[in-house]
Every structure is written in structure tokens, then in C-alpha cells.
Amino acid sequence: MRNNILKRIKNKIIVSCQPNERGPQDKTNIIVSMAKTAILGGCGGVRVEGEKNIYEVKKNISIPIIGIIKRDIPKYEVRITPLLTDVDKIISSGADIIAYDATIRRRPFPTKEIVLKIKNANRLAMADCANLNDAKIAINEGADIIGTTLSGYIGKIAKDTDKPNINLIRQFKKLNSFVMAEGRYNTPDLARKAILEGADAVTIGSAITRIDNITSWFVREISK
């Protein structure tokens, strides 16, 4: 299963079908539509947040799904799949890959326990990392995919229009693991560059699915 899924998303674009929370697009039927439309464009997989959303997308598509649950927990900064019960919910919803926050920050459960639960359910574990050290630890704990997802988002708020951390892809590639480029890859040229620099796949989010974000980029430019 592991090799088959990785083969299916190799050199492909993964579309993150995550609208801004509580925005007009934040409805399950719209998220399903996003996923189906992204497939028409040729994507190799989708990333979906929320138990219900994952379940409904799974019923409608046949390509791999990366599932996550985001939640705010008092006294903890980690938001992406922080609880073991989150993993259970994502498993029940049918995701093929489960992503989790792999940063070295205070958390309710150790990342090792998160990964173990994912692997015991015969699903792939994707580590959302911020730096090289995160990735090394994640691989040690059994993660199947290491992503640059949280690079630039720890300690500050990066903008969608900031440049992605291409150098981190080069560093990750030396670890001999499946590398997912993610985080501010908002143009076709940047996605291509990520692959050329060693990424095995590239996740695109706001630049494809968040109409409000994309509109603001254009508005900002013409108002200068």
C-alpha cells in the first residue's frame, strides 16, 4: 500500500482543498466540488481538513487523500492533528495519508504516539515540518513523507505571497525520504522549481482554492 500511494502522487500536484475557516467557501459540498474540479486539472491527490469533509470527499473521488484535523487547544501551539482521537477520526473518514504537526513544540501527545497510531492503521504518516531537525526526528519515528509545510510559520505569520523555502527541499532530499514541498508555492514556476530541486510532490493551497486570498493579491497590486 505504502509504495503504491507514494507512486501515485510522485511528481504530482496535491491540491489543498481548505477554504478559510468560517468563510463563504467553508462548506462540505463546496470542498467536494473543489476536489473534483482539481482532478479535472490533473492533480494527483488532495489535502482535506475535517472528519466530515474527508468522508464526503472520499465518497466522490478515487485519488489519494491527505487528511488532517485542525484544532485550537489552550496552552498548545500545535494545530494540525494534535490528538490521538483526531487520528482515529481521520482513519474512520477514509484518508490514505494522515498529516500531523511534527514541530518540536509543547503538545498534548508525543509525535511518536501519533505516528504509531497512523502506522498501526496501515495508513501513511506525513510530517508537517518547519526545519531540518523536525524532518530527521520524523523519519526516525517512522514518517513516510516529510513536508516543508510549516517552514516560515513558526514564531511569525508568513504571507501567502512570501517566497517558499526552496533550500529546505534540498536539505530534505539528502535524508532519502519522500519529500513534499508545501507552503507558499503559489505559481506554476515555483512548483516546477520545487520538483527540479528534489521535491517528490508539491502541495498547492491558497493559490488554487482560496478565492478571497487570490483576489486580495490582485487588489493589493493595482492599489499600489
C-alpha atoms as a PDB file:
ATOM      1  CA  MET A   1       0.000   0.000   0.000  1.00  0.00           C
ATOM      2  CA  ARG A   2       2.723   2.457   1.014  1.00  0.00           C
ATOM      3  CA  ASN A   3       4.701   2.222  -2.223  1.00  0.00           C
ATOM      4  CA  ASN A   4       1.560   2.263  -4.357  1.00  0.00           C
ATOM      5  CA  ILE A   5       0.287   5.510  -2.846  1.00  0.00           C
ATOM      6  CA  LEU A   6       3.683   7.200  -2.993  1.00  0.00           C
ATOM      7  CA  LYS A   7       3.992   6.130  -6.625  1.00  0.00           C
ATOM      8  CA  ARG A   8       0.570   7.619  -7.411  1.00  0.00           C
ATOM      9  CA  ILE A   9       1.498  11.051  -6.028  1.00  0.00           C
ATOM     10  CA  LYS A  10       5.109  11.096  -7.254  1.00  0.00           C
ATOM     11  CA  ASN A  11       5.831  14.198  -9.391  1.00  0.00           C
ATOM     12  CA  LYS A  12       2.240  15.319  -8.965  1.00  0.00           C
ATOM     13  CA  ILE A  13       0.448  18.383  -7.670  1.00  0.00           C
ATOM     14  CA  ILE A  14      -1.559  17.874  -4.492  1.00  0.00           C
ATOM     15  CA  VAL A  15      -4.375  20.394  -4.109  1.00  0.00           C
ATOM     16  CA  SER A  16      -5.180  21.515  -0.586  1.00  0.00           C
ATOM     17  CA  CYS A  17      -8.960  21.931  -0.550  1.00  0.00           C
ATOM     18  CA  GLN A  18      -9.072  24.029   2.600  1.00  0.00           C
ATOM     19  CA  PRO A  19     -11.062  27.262   2.404  1.00  0.00           C
ATOM     20  CA  ASN A  20     -10.542  29.949   5.009  1.00  0.00           C
ATOM     21  CA  GLU A  21     -12.311  28.902   8.182  1.00  0.00           C
ATOM     22  CA  ARG A  22     -15.866  30.245   8.522  1.00  0.00           C
ATOM     23  CA  GLY A  23     -15.632  31.893   5.104  1.00  0.00           C
ATOM     24  CA  PRO A  24     -18.239  31.571   2.317  1.00  0.00           C
ATOM     25  CA  GLN A  25     -16.401  28.576   0.805  1.00  0.00           C
ATOM     26  CA  ASP A  26     -16.215  26.700   4.108  1.00  0.00           C
ATOM     27  CA  LYS A  27     -18.960  24.201   3.276  1.00  0.00           C
ATOM     28  CA  THR A  28     -18.569  20.477   2.705  1.00  0.00           C
ATOM     29  CA  ASN A  29     -20.307  20.440  -0.690  1.00  0.00           C
ATOM     30  CA  ILE A  30     -18.000  23.219  -1.915  1.00  0.00           C
ATOM     31  CA  ILE A  31     -14.933  21.343  -0.664  1.00  0.00           C
ATOM     32  CA  VAL A  32     -16.081  18.227  -2.525  1.00  0.00           C
ATOM     33  CA  SER A  33     -16.542  20.366  -5.640  1.00  0.00           C
ATOM     34  CA  MET A  34     -13.020  21.783  -5.193  1.00  0.00           C
ATOM     35  CA  ALA A  35     -11.571  18.263  -5.068  1.00  0.00           C
ATOM     36  CA  LYS A  36     -13.473  17.044  -8.116  1.00  0.00           C
ATOM     37  CA  THR A  37     -12.531  20.146 -10.084  1.00  0.00           C
ATOM     38  CA  ALA A  38      -8.856  19.824  -9.130  1.00  0.00           C
ATOM     39  CA  ILE A  39      -8.915  16.285 -10.523  1.00  0.00           C
ATOM     40  CA  LEU A  40     -10.136  17.667 -13.860  1.00  0.00           C
ATOM     41  CA  GLY A  41      -6.985  19.795 -13.876  1.00  0.00           C
ATOM     42  CA  GLY A  42      -4.779  16.746 -13.363  1.00  0.00           C
ATOM     43  CA  CYS A  43      -3.843  16.755  -9.672  1.00  0.00           C
ATOM     44  CA  GLY A  44      -2.534  13.560  -8.107  1.00  0.00           C
ATOM     45  CA  GLY A  45      -4.088  13.949  -4.670  1.00  0.00           C
ATOM     46  CA  VAL A  46      -5.929  16.314  -2.366  1.00  0.00           C
ATOM     47  CA  ARG A  47      -5.407  17.530   1.191  1.00  0.00           C
ATOM     48  CA  VAL A  48      -8.620  17.920   3.202  1.00  0.00           C
ATOM     49  CA  GLU A  49      -9.359  19.127   6.730  1.00  0.00           C
ATOM     50  CA  GLY A  50     -12.094  17.831   8.967  1.00  0.00           C
ATOM     51  CA  GLU A  51     -13.714  14.467   9.586  1.00  0.00           C
ATOM     52  CA  LYS A  52     -16.923  15.147   7.659  1.00  0.00           C
ATOM     53  CA  ASN A  53     -15.146  16.817   4.742  1.00  0.00           C
ATOM     54  CA  ILE A  54     -12.675  13.936   4.351  1.00  0.00           C
ATOM     55  CA  TYR A  55     -15.503  11.385   4.442  1.00  0.00           C
ATOM     56  CA  GLU A  56     -17.558  13.162   1.791  1.00  0.00           C
ATOM     57  CA  VAL A  57     -14.564  13.793  -0.492  1.00  0.00           C
ATOM     58  CA  LYS A  58     -13.557  10.124  -0.168  1.00  0.00           C
ATOM     59  CA  LYS A  59     -17.002   9.052  -1.417  1.00  0.00           C
ATOM     60  CA  ASN A  60     -16.605  11.180  -4.537  1.00  0.00           C
ATOM     61  CA  ILE A  61     -13.008  10.685  -5.689  1.00  0.00           C
ATOM     62  CA  SER A  62     -10.540   7.850  -6.174  1.00  0.00           C
ATOM     63  CA  ILE A  63      -7.176   9.613  -5.873  1.00  0.00           C
ATOM     64  CA  PRO A  64      -5.181   9.677  -2.577  1.00  0.00           C
ATOM     65  CA  ILE A  65      -6.390  11.933   0.219  1.00  0.00           C
ATOM     66  CA  ILE A  66      -4.162  13.558   2.821  1.00  0.00           C
ATOM     67  CA  GLY A  67      -6.360  14.085   5.858  1.00  0.00           C
ATOM     68  CA  ILE A  68      -5.881  16.451   8.771  1.00  0.00           C
ATOM     69  CA  ILE A  69      -7.872  17.892  11.647  1.00  0.00           C
ATOM     70  CA  LYS A  70      -7.095  21.395  12.852  1.00  0.00           C
ATOM     71  CA  ARG A  71      -7.992  22.459  16.351  1.00  0.00           C
ATOM     72  CA  ASP A  72      -7.003  25.111  18.856  1.00  0.00           C
ATOM     73  CA  ILE A  73      -6.067  23.749  22.268  1.00  0.00           C
ATOM     74  CA  PRO A  74      -5.372  26.105  25.180  1.00  0.00           C
ATOM     75  CA  LYS A  75      -1.676  26.236  26.161  1.00  0.00           C
ATOM     76  CA  TYR A  76      -0.579  24.420  22.981  1.00  0.00           C
ATOM     77  CA  GLU A  77       0.541  25.981  19.685  1.00  0.00           C
ATOM     78  CA  VAL A  78       0.287  22.844  17.535  1.00  0.00           C
ATOM     79  CA  ARG A  79      -2.924  22.778  15.481  1.00  0.00           C
ATOM     80  CA  ILE A  80      -2.555  20.022  12.880  1.00  0.00           C
ATOM     81  CA  THR A  81      -3.817  16.621  14.103  1.00  0.00           C
ATOM     82  CA  PRO A  82      -2.610  17.122  17.678  1.00  0.00           C
ATOM     83  CA  LEU A  83      -4.744  14.431  19.358  1.00  0.00           C
ATOM     84  CA  LEU A  84      -4.810  10.638  19.107  1.00  0.00           C
ATOM     85  CA  THR A  85      -8.592  10.883  18.764  1.00  0.00           C
ATOM     86  CA  ASP A  86      -8.030  13.126  15.726  1.00  0.00           C
ATOM     87  CA  VAL A  87      -6.060  10.317  14.124  1.00  0.00           C
ATOM     88  CA  ASP A  88      -8.909   7.891  14.857  1.00  0.00           C
ATOM     89  CA  LYS A  89     -11.421  10.228  13.215  1.00  0.00           C
ATOM     90  CA  ILE A  90      -9.283  10.680  10.107  1.00  0.00           C
ATOM     91  CA  ILE A  91      -8.780   6.924   9.825  1.00  0.00           C
ATOM     92  CA  SER A  92     -12.551   6.361  10.064  1.00  0.00           C
ATOM     93  CA  SER A  93     -13.121   9.032   7.411  1.00  0.00           C
ATOM     94  CA  GLY A  94     -11.010   7.100   4.913  1.00  0.00           C
ATOM     95  CA  ALA A  95      -7.908   9.238   4.316  1.00  0.00           C
ATOM     96  CA  ASP A  96      -4.953   7.404   2.791  1.00  0.00           C
ATOM     97  CA  ILE A  97      -2.332   9.693   4.331  1.00  0.00           C
ATOM     98  CA  ILE A  98      -2.576  11.429   7.704  1.00  0.00           C
ATOM     99  CA  ALA A  99      -0.591  14.615   8.241  1.00  0.00           C
ATOM    100  CA  TYR A 100       0.398  15.925  11.663  1.00  0.00           C
ATOM    101  CA  ASP A 101       2.393  18.816  13.140  1.00  0.00           C
ATOM    102  CA  ALA A 102       5.936  17.468  13.518  1.00  0.00           C
ATOM    103  CA  THR A 103       7.499  20.583  15.033  1.00  0.00           C
ATOM    104  CA  ILE A 104       9.357  20.454  18.344  1.00  0.00           C
ATOM    105  CA  ARG A 105       6.793  22.301  20.430  1.00  0.00           C
ATOM    106  CA  ARG A 106       4.751  21.534  23.513  1.00  0.00           C
ATOM    107  CA  ARG A 107       1.912  19.187  22.596  1.00  0.00           C
ATOM    108  CA  PRO A 108      -0.759  17.020  24.240  1.00  0.00           C
ATOM    109  CA  PHE A 109       0.648  13.780  22.772  1.00  0.00           C
ATOM    110  CA  PRO A 110       4.181  12.867  21.597  1.00  0.00           C
ATOM    111  CA  THR A 111       4.627  12.713  17.834  1.00  0.00           C
ATOM    112  CA  LYS A 112       5.897   9.147  18.258  1.00  0.00           C
ATOM    113  CA  GLU A 113       2.460   8.079  19.520  1.00  0.00           C
ATOM    114  CA  ILE A 114       0.730   9.906  16.672  1.00  0.00           C
ATOM    115  CA  VAL A 115       2.873   8.146  14.066  1.00  0.00           C
ATOM    116  CA  LEU A 116       2.469   4.743  15.724  1.00  0.00           C
ATOM    117  CA  LYS A 117      -1.314   5.006  15.662  1.00  0.00           C
ATOM    118  CA  ILE A 118      -1.249   6.023  11.996  1.00  0.00           C
ATOM    119  CA  LYS A 119       1.035   3.138  11.040  1.00  0.00           C
ATOM    120  CA  ASN A 120      -0.939   0.589  13.060  1.00  0.00           C
ATOM    121  CA  ALA A 121      -3.976   1.522  10.978  1.00  0.00           C
ATOM    122  CA  ASN A 122      -1.977   0.843   7.793  1.00  0.00           C
ATOM    123  CA  ARG A 123      -2.074   4.484   6.717  1.00  0.00           C
ATOM    124  CA  LEU A 124       0.820   6.690   5.652  1.00  0.00           C
ATOM    125  CA  ALA A 125       2.143   9.332   8.037  1.00  0.00           C
ATOM    126  CA  MET A 126       3.099  12.760   6.717  1.00  0.00           C
ATOM    127  CA  ALA A 127       5.167  15.005   8.966  1.00  0.00           C
ATOM    128  CA  ASP A 128       4.424  18.710   8.596  1.00  0.00           C
ATOM    129  CA  CYS A 129       7.851  20.141   9.422  1.00  0.00           C
ATOM    130  CA  ALA A 130       9.338  23.583   9.967  1.00  0.00           C
ATOM    131  CA  ASN A 131      13.024  22.726   9.693  1.00  0.00           C
ATOM    132  CA  LEU A 132      15.597  20.011   9.067  1.00  0.00           C
ATOM    133  CA  ASN A 133      15.637  18.796  12.663  1.00  0.00           C
ATOM    134  CA  ASP A 134      11.881  18.197  12.586  1.00  0.00           C
ATOM    135  CA  ALA A 135      12.302  16.044   9.478  1.00  0.00           C
ATOM    136  CA  LYS A 136      15.128  13.959  10.947  1.00  0.00           C
ATOM    137  CA  ILE A 137      13.090  13.177  14.050  1.00  0.00           C
ATOM    138  CA  ALA A 138      10.002  12.381  11.966  1.00  0.00           C
ATOM    139  CA  ILE A 139      11.898   9.897   9.795  1.00  0.00           C
ATOM    140  CA  ASN A 140      13.313   8.273  12.927  1.00  0.00           C
ATOM    141  CA  GLU A 141       9.790   7.852  14.260  1.00  0.00           C
ATOM    142  CA  GLY A 142       8.545   6.265  11.034  1.00  0.00           C
ATOM    143  CA  ALA A 143       7.042   9.077   8.958  1.00  0.00           C
ATOM    144  CA  ASP A 144       6.582   8.128   5.289  1.00  0.00           C
ATOM    145  CA  ILE A 145       6.523  11.707   3.960  1.00  0.00           C
ATOM    146  CA  ILE A 146       8.323  14.803   5.188  1.00  0.00           C
ATOM    147  CA  GLY A 147       6.774  18.125   4.211  1.00  0.00           C
ATOM    148  CA  THR A 148       8.045  21.693   4.339  1.00  0.00           C
ATOM    149  CA  THR A 149       4.518  22.703   5.351  1.00  0.00           C
ATOM    150  CA  LEU A 150       5.336  24.752   8.449  1.00  0.00           C
ATOM    151  CA  SER A 151       8.548  26.404   7.281  1.00  0.00           C
ATOM    152  CA  GLY A 152       8.153  30.119   7.914  1.00  0.00           C
ATOM    153  CA  TYR A 153       5.077  29.724  10.106  1.00  0.00           C
ATOM    154  CA  ILE A 154       6.740  29.097  13.462  1.00  0.00           C
ATOM    155  CA  GLY A 155       7.278  32.247  15.510  1.00  0.00           C
ATOM    156  CA  LYS A 156       5.793  34.524  12.861  1.00  0.00           C
ATOM    157  CA  ILE A 157       2.980  34.638  10.346  1.00  0.00           C
ATOM    158  CA  ALA A 158       4.188  34.193   6.778  1.00  0.00           C
ATOM    159  CA  LYS A 159       2.154  35.722   3.969  1.00  0.00           C
ATOM    160  CA  ASP A 160       0.844  33.678   1.053  1.00  0.00           C
ATOM    161  CA  THR A 161       2.872  35.896  -1.259  1.00  0.00           C
ATOM    162  CA  ASP A 162       6.194  35.342   0.549  1.00  0.00           C
ATOM    163  CA  LYS A 163       8.742  33.128  -1.171  1.00  0.00           C
ATOM    164  CA  PRO A 164       8.839  29.422  -0.199  1.00  0.00           C
ATOM    165  CA  ASN A 165      11.871  27.813   1.425  1.00  0.00           C
ATOM    166  CA  ILE A 166      13.448  26.080  -1.578  1.00  0.00           C
ATOM    167  CA  ASN A 167      16.664  25.447   0.345  1.00  0.00           C
ATOM    168  CA  LEU A 168      14.776  23.266   2.821  1.00  0.00           C
ATOM    169  CA  ILE A 169      13.767  20.971  -0.037  1.00  0.00           C
ATOM    170  CA  ARG A 170      17.449  20.498  -0.878  1.00  0.00           C
ATOM    171  CA  GLN A 171      18.170  19.641   2.750  1.00  0.00           C
ATOM    172  CA  PHE A 172      15.230  17.231   2.995  1.00  0.00           C
ATOM    173  CA  LYS A 173      16.238  15.442  -0.207  1.00  0.00           C
ATOM    174  CA  LYS A 174      19.500  14.349   1.425  1.00  0.00           C
ATOM    175  CA  LEU A 175      17.515  12.399   4.024  1.00  0.00           C
ATOM    176  CA  ASN A 176      16.384   9.797   1.468  1.00  0.00           C
ATOM    177  CA  SER A 177      12.689  10.174   2.233  1.00  0.00           C
ATOM    178  CA  PHE A 178       9.645  11.186   0.191  1.00  0.00           C
ATOM    179  CA  VAL A 179       9.660  14.997   0.163  1.00  0.00           C
ATOM    180  CA  MET A 180       6.514  17.099  -0.088  1.00  0.00           C
ATOM    181  CA  ALA A 181       7.049  20.766  -0.973  1.00  0.00           C
ATOM    182  CA  GLU A 182       4.354  22.802   0.710  1.00  0.00           C
ATOM    183  CA  GLY A 183       3.925  26.373   1.856  1.00  0.00           C
ATOM    184  CA  ARG A 184       3.666  29.407  -0.448  1.00  0.00           C
ATOM    185  CA  TYR A 185       4.191  27.528  -3.732  1.00  0.00           C
ATOM    186  CA  ASN A 186       1.769  29.892  -5.427  1.00  0.00           C
ATOM    187  CA  THR A 187       2.881  29.888  -9.080  1.00  0.00           C
ATOM    188  CA  PRO A 188       3.470  27.116 -11.648  1.00  0.00           C
ATOM    189  CA  ASP A 189       7.094  28.225 -11.898  1.00  0.00           C
ATOM    190  CA  LEU A 190       7.674  27.750  -8.164  1.00  0.00           C
ATOM    191  CA  ALA A 191       6.056  24.299  -8.284  1.00  0.00           C
ATOM    192  CA  ARG A 192       8.313  23.315 -11.168  1.00  0.00           C
ATOM    193  CA  LYS A 193      11.341  24.642  -9.316  1.00  0.00           C
ATOM    194  CA  ALA A 194      10.421  22.570  -6.262  1.00  0.00           C
ATOM    195  CA  ILE A 195      10.433  19.387  -8.340  1.00  0.00           C
ATOM    196  CA  LEU A 196      13.718  20.302 -10.011  1.00  0.00           C
ATOM    197  CA  GLU A 197      15.298  20.914  -6.597  1.00  0.00           C
ATOM    198  CA  GLY A 198      14.313  17.461  -5.359  1.00  0.00           C
ATOM    199  CA  ALA A 199      10.710  17.507  -4.145  1.00  0.00           C
ATOM    200  CA  ASP A 200       8.752  14.345  -4.924  1.00  0.00           C
ATOM    201  CA  ALA A 201       5.412  16.195  -4.988  1.00  0.00           C
ATOM    202  CA  VAL A 202       4.090  19.711  -4.394  1.00  0.00           C
ATOM    203  CA  THR A 203       1.048  20.772  -2.405  1.00  0.00           C
ATOM    204  CA  ILE A 204      -0.702  23.936  -3.574  1.00  0.00           C
ATOM    205  CA  GLY A 205      -3.368  25.538  -1.406  1.00  0.00           C
ATOM    206  CA  SER A 206      -4.390  29.202  -1.380  1.00  0.00           C
ATOM    207  CA  ALA A 207      -3.304  29.873  -4.965  1.00  0.00           C
ATOM    208  CA  ILE A 208      -5.875  27.372  -6.231  1.00  0.00           C
ATOM    209  CA  THR A 209      -8.706  27.087  -3.744  1.00  0.00           C
ATOM    210  CA  ARG A 210      -8.989  30.325  -1.742  1.00  0.00           C
ATOM    211  CA  ILE A 211     -10.759  32.823  -3.978  1.00  0.00           C
ATOM    212  CA  ASP A 212     -10.666  35.540  -1.313  1.00  0.00           C
ATOM    213  CA  ASN A 213      -6.876  35.252  -0.926  1.00  0.00           C
ATOM    214  CA  ILE A 214      -6.237  35.280  -4.655  1.00  0.00           C
ATOM    215  CA  THR A 215      -8.497  38.285  -5.175  1.00  0.00           C
ATOM    216  CA  SER A 216      -6.654  40.211  -2.458  1.00  0.00           C
ATOM    217  CA  TRP A 217      -3.328  39.635  -4.253  1.00  0.00           C
ATOM    218  CA  PHE A 218      -4.666  41.352  -7.358  1.00  0.00           C
ATOM    219  CA  VAL A 219      -6.375  44.129  -5.390  1.00  0.00           C
ATOM    220  CA  ARG A 220      -3.167  44.836  -3.494  1.00  0.00           C
ATOM    221  CA  GLU A 221      -1.112  45.105  -6.676  1.00  0.00           C
ATOM    222  CA  ILE A 222      -3.392  47.506  -8.536  1.00  0.00           C
ATOM    223  CA  SER A 223      -3.806  49.718  -5.477  1.00  0.00           C
ATOM    224  CA  LYS A 224      -0.073  50.428  -5.235  1.00  0.00           C
END
